[in-house]
Amino acid sequence: MSNDVSLCPRFHRAVELIGRRWTGAIIRVLLSGPRRFNELLGSIPGISDRLLTERLRELESENLITRTVESGSPVKVIYALTCAGAELQESLDALGRWAERWITPGAEETKSA
């Protein structure tokens, strides 16, 4: 019997997309509702403007978030999850439960606690 396991290309692409640094955090924040750029920036400790912009563009191109520009002074840009993005809630909740059970807090977490 062979131990060869073939990896589904869709699964692999999904894990690579969601597993990118900061992506899960961005989606997690947007699960509670639409946010402006600076609200996202303030909700995700340690992320830079450049990386947030890059991840938001990636998520928009994958149709997981929408970017809406509201005219006015100043112009407002709002980011929100699409239906596909919102459907990640169950998976992220399951990952959170798993992390609570199995992940030992890192040094940075113990310092801030």
C-alpha atoms as a PDB file:
ATOM      1  CA  MET A   1       0.000   0.000   0.000  1.00  0.00           C
ATOM      2  CA  SER A   2       1.372   3.391  -0.994  1.00  0.00           C
ATOM      3  CA  ASN A   3       1.717   6.269   1.459  1.00  0.00           C
ATOM      4  CA  ASP A   4       1.356   8.702  -1.435  1.00  0.00           C
ATOM      5  CA  VAL A   5      -1.210  11.353  -0.599  1.00  0.00           C
ATOM      6  CA  SER A   6      -2.154  13.729  -3.351  1.00  0.00           C
ATOM      7  CA  LEU A   7      -3.035  17.230  -2.252  1.00  0.00           C
ATOM      8  CA  CYS A   8      -6.135  18.785  -3.736  1.00  0.00           C
ATOM      9  CA  PRO A   9      -5.021  21.898  -5.673  1.00  0.00           C
ATOM     10  CA  ARG A  10      -8.017  23.927  -4.423  1.00  0.00           C
ATOM     11  CA  PHE A  11      -7.279  23.047  -0.798  1.00  0.00           C
ATOM     12  CA  HIS A  12      -3.609  23.909  -1.271  1.00  0.00           C
ATOM     13  CA  ARG A  13      -4.460  27.284  -2.841  1.00  0.00           C
ATOM     14  CA  ALA A  14      -6.947  28.071  -0.046  1.00  0.00           C
ATOM     15  CA  VAL A  15      -4.460  27.232   2.713  1.00  0.00           C
ATOM     16  CA  GLU A  16      -1.736  29.291   1.041  1.00  0.00           C
ATOM     17  CA  LEU A  17      -4.098  32.258   0.633  1.00  0.00           C
ATOM     18  CA  ILE A  18      -5.564  32.259   4.146  1.00  0.00           C
ATOM     19  CA  GLY A  19      -2.274  31.232   5.728  1.00  0.00           C
ATOM     20  CA  ARG A  20      -0.390  34.292   4.511  1.00  0.00           C
ATOM     21  CA  ARG A  21       0.817  36.528   7.274  1.00  0.00           C
ATOM     22  CA  TRP A  22      -1.887  38.986   8.442  1.00  0.00           C
ATOM     23  CA  THR A  23      -4.611  37.603   6.155  1.00  0.00           C
ATOM     24  CA  GLY A  24      -6.401  35.666   8.893  1.00  0.00           C
ATOM     25  CA  ALA A  25      -6.269  38.688  11.195  1.00  0.00           C
ATOM     26  CA  ILE A  26      -7.741  40.976   8.526  1.00  0.00           C
ATOM     27  CA  ILE A  27     -10.578  38.568   7.826  1.00  0.00           C
ATOM     28  CA  ARG A  28     -11.170  38.054  11.563  1.00  0.00           C
ATOM     29  CA  VAL A  29     -11.564  41.826  12.101  1.00  0.00           C
ATOM     30  CA  LEU A  30     -13.859  42.177   9.074  1.00  0.00           C
ATOM     31  CA  LEU A  31     -16.081  39.367  10.373  1.00  0.00           C
ATOM     32  CA  SER A  32     -17.431  41.882  12.889  1.00  0.00           C
ATOM     33  CA  GLY A  33     -18.396  44.306  10.112  1.00  0.00           C
ATOM     34  CA  PRO A  34     -17.067  46.699   7.462  1.00  0.00           C
ATOM     35  CA  ARG A  35     -14.055  48.813   8.400  1.00  0.00           C
ATOM     36  CA  ARG A  36     -12.084  51.742   7.053  1.00  0.00           C
ATOM     37  CA  PHE A  37      -8.352  51.348   6.414  1.00  0.00           C
ATOM     38  CA  ASN A  38      -7.257  53.107   9.614  1.00  0.00           C
ATOM     39  CA  GLU A  39      -9.707  51.051  11.678  1.00  0.00           C
ATOM     40  CA  LEU A  40      -8.145  47.888  10.294  1.00  0.00           C
ATOM     41  CA  LEU A  41      -4.659  49.265  10.897  1.00  0.00           C
ATOM     42  CA  GLY A  42      -5.521  50.055  14.521  1.00  0.00           C
ATOM     43  CA  SER A  43      -7.135  46.656  15.114  1.00  0.00           C
ATOM     44  CA  ILE A  44      -4.190  44.554  13.948  1.00  0.00           C
ATOM     45  CA  PRO A  45      -1.096  45.149  16.100  1.00  0.00           C
ATOM     46  CA  GLY A  46       2.182  45.084  14.208  1.00  0.00           C
ATOM     47  CA  ILE A  47       0.901  45.319  10.637  1.00  0.00           C
ATOM     48  CA  SER A  48       2.385  48.069   8.463  1.00  0.00           C
ATOM     49  CA  ASP A  49       0.458  50.332   6.078  1.00  0.00           C
ATOM     50  CA  ARG A  50       2.226  48.715   3.138  1.00  0.00           C
ATOM     51  CA  LEU A  51       1.439  45.139   4.169  1.00  0.00           C
ATOM     52  CA  LEU A  52      -2.175  45.958   4.985  1.00  0.00           C
ATOM     53  CA  THR A  53      -2.589  47.563   1.558  1.00  0.00           C
ATOM     54  CA  GLU A  54      -0.981  44.545  -0.123  1.00  0.00           C
ATOM     55  CA  ARG A  55      -3.160  42.014   1.727  1.00  0.00           C
ATOM     56  CA  LEU A  56      -6.343  44.013   1.090  1.00  0.00           C
ATOM     57  CA  ARG A  57      -5.560  44.069  -2.640  1.00  0.00           C
ATOM     58  CA  GLU A  58      -4.937  40.302  -2.617  1.00  0.00           C
ATOM     59  CA  LEU A  59      -8.169  39.607  -0.759  1.00  0.00           C
ATOM     60  CA  GLU A  60     -10.092  41.869  -3.121  1.00  0.00           C
ATOM     61  CA  SER A  61      -8.611  40.133  -6.184  1.00  0.00           C
ATOM     62  CA  GLU A  62      -9.659  36.769  -4.700  1.00  0.00           C
ATOM     63  CA  ASN A  63     -13.202  38.139  -4.162  1.00  0.00           C
ATOM     64  CA  LEU A  64     -13.056  37.702  -0.391  1.00  0.00           C
ATOM     65  CA  ILE A  65     -13.510  41.416   0.341  1.00  0.00           C
ATOM     66  CA  THR A  66     -15.025  44.416  -1.382  1.00  0.00           C
ATOM     67  CA  ARG A  67     -13.592  47.927  -1.467  1.00  0.00           C
ATOM     68  CA  THR A  68     -16.197  50.681  -1.631  1.00  0.00           C
ATOM     69  CA  VAL A  69     -15.258  54.316  -2.183  1.00  0.00           C
ATOM     70  CA  GLU A  70     -17.757  56.835  -0.804  1.00  0.00           C
ATOM     71  CA  SER A  71     -17.370  60.319  -2.207  1.00  0.00           C
ATOM     72  CA  GLY A  72     -17.328  63.297   0.054  1.00  0.00           C
ATOM     73  CA  SER A  73     -14.797  65.271   1.954  1.00  0.00           C
ATOM     74  CA  PRO A  74     -12.803  63.362   2.942  1.00  0.00           C
ATOM     75  CA  VAL A  75     -13.338  60.379   0.661  1.00  0.00           C
ATOM     76  CA  LYS A  76     -14.165  57.211   2.616  1.00  0.00           C
ATOM     77  CA  VAL A  77     -12.894  53.791   1.600  1.00  0.00           C
ATOM     78  CA  ILE A  78     -14.732  50.913   3.270  1.00  0.00           C
ATOM     79  CA  TYR A  79     -13.639  47.277   3.257  1.00  0.00           C
ATOM     80  CA  ALA A  80     -16.155  44.489   3.825  1.00  0.00           C
ATOM     81  CA  LEU A  81     -16.274  40.740   3.425  1.00  0.00           C
ATOM     82  CA  THR A  82     -18.058  39.201   0.470  1.00  0.00           C
ATOM     83  CA  CYS A  83     -20.267  36.140   1.003  1.00  0.00           C
ATOM     84  CA  ALA A  84     -17.228  33.980   0.227  1.00  0.00           C
ATOM     85  CA  GLY A  85     -15.150  35.830   2.823  1.00  0.00           C
ATOM     86  CA  ALA A  86     -17.894  35.637   5.458  1.00  0.00           C
ATOM     87  CA  GLU A  87     -18.114  31.878   4.951  1.00  0.00           C
ATOM     88  CA  LEU A  88     -14.616  31.614   6.434  1.00  0.00           C
ATOM     89  CA  GLN A  89     -16.024  32.372   9.897  1.00  0.00           C
ATOM     90  CA  GLU A  90     -16.718  28.733  10.750  1.00  0.00           C
ATOM     91  CA  SER A  91     -13.204  27.707   9.678  1.00  0.00           C
ATOM     92  CA  LEU A  92     -11.545  30.555  11.588  1.00  0.00           C
ATOM     93  CA  ASP A  93     -13.642  29.799  14.679  1.00  0.00           C
ATOM     94  CA  ALA A  94     -12.549  26.144  14.478  1.00  0.00           C
ATOM     95  CA  LEU A  95      -8.920  27.225  14.076  1.00  0.00           C
ATOM     96  CA  GLY A  96      -9.288  29.496  17.109  1.00  0.00           C
ATOM     97  CA  ARG A  97     -10.642  26.630  19.226  1.00  0.00           C
ATOM     98  CA  TRP A  98      -7.795  24.421  18.077  1.00  0.00           C
ATOM     99  CA  ALA A  99      -5.241  27.143  18.911  1.00  0.00           C
ATOM    100  CA  GLU A 100      -6.695  27.610  22.401  1.00  0.00           C
ATOM    101  CA  ARG A 101      -6.261  23.920  23.028  1.00  0.00           C
ATOM    102  CA  TRP A 102      -2.906  23.224  21.394  1.00  0.00           C
ATOM    103  CA  ILE A 103      -0.836  26.387  20.917  1.00  0.00           C
ATOM    104  CA  THR A 104       1.385  27.469  23.773  1.00  0.00           C
ATOM    105  CA  PRO A 105       1.441  31.248  24.170  1.00  0.00           C
ATOM    106  CA  GLY A 106       4.613  32.772  22.702  1.00  0.00           C
ATOM    107  CA  ALA A 107       6.960  35.034  24.617  1.00  0.00           C
ATOM    108  CA  GLU A 108       5.266  38.172  23.228  1.00  0.00           C
ATOM    109  CA  GLU A 109       1.870  36.947  24.449  1.00  0.00           C
ATOM    110  CA  THR A 110       3.107  36.187  27.964  1.00  0.00           C
ATOM    111  CA  LYS A 111       4.705  39.639  28.266  1.00  0.00           C
ATOM    112  CA  SER A 112       1.485  41.426  27.341  1.00  0.00           C
ATOM    113  CA  ALA A 113      -0.747  39.261  29.513  1.00  0.00           C
END
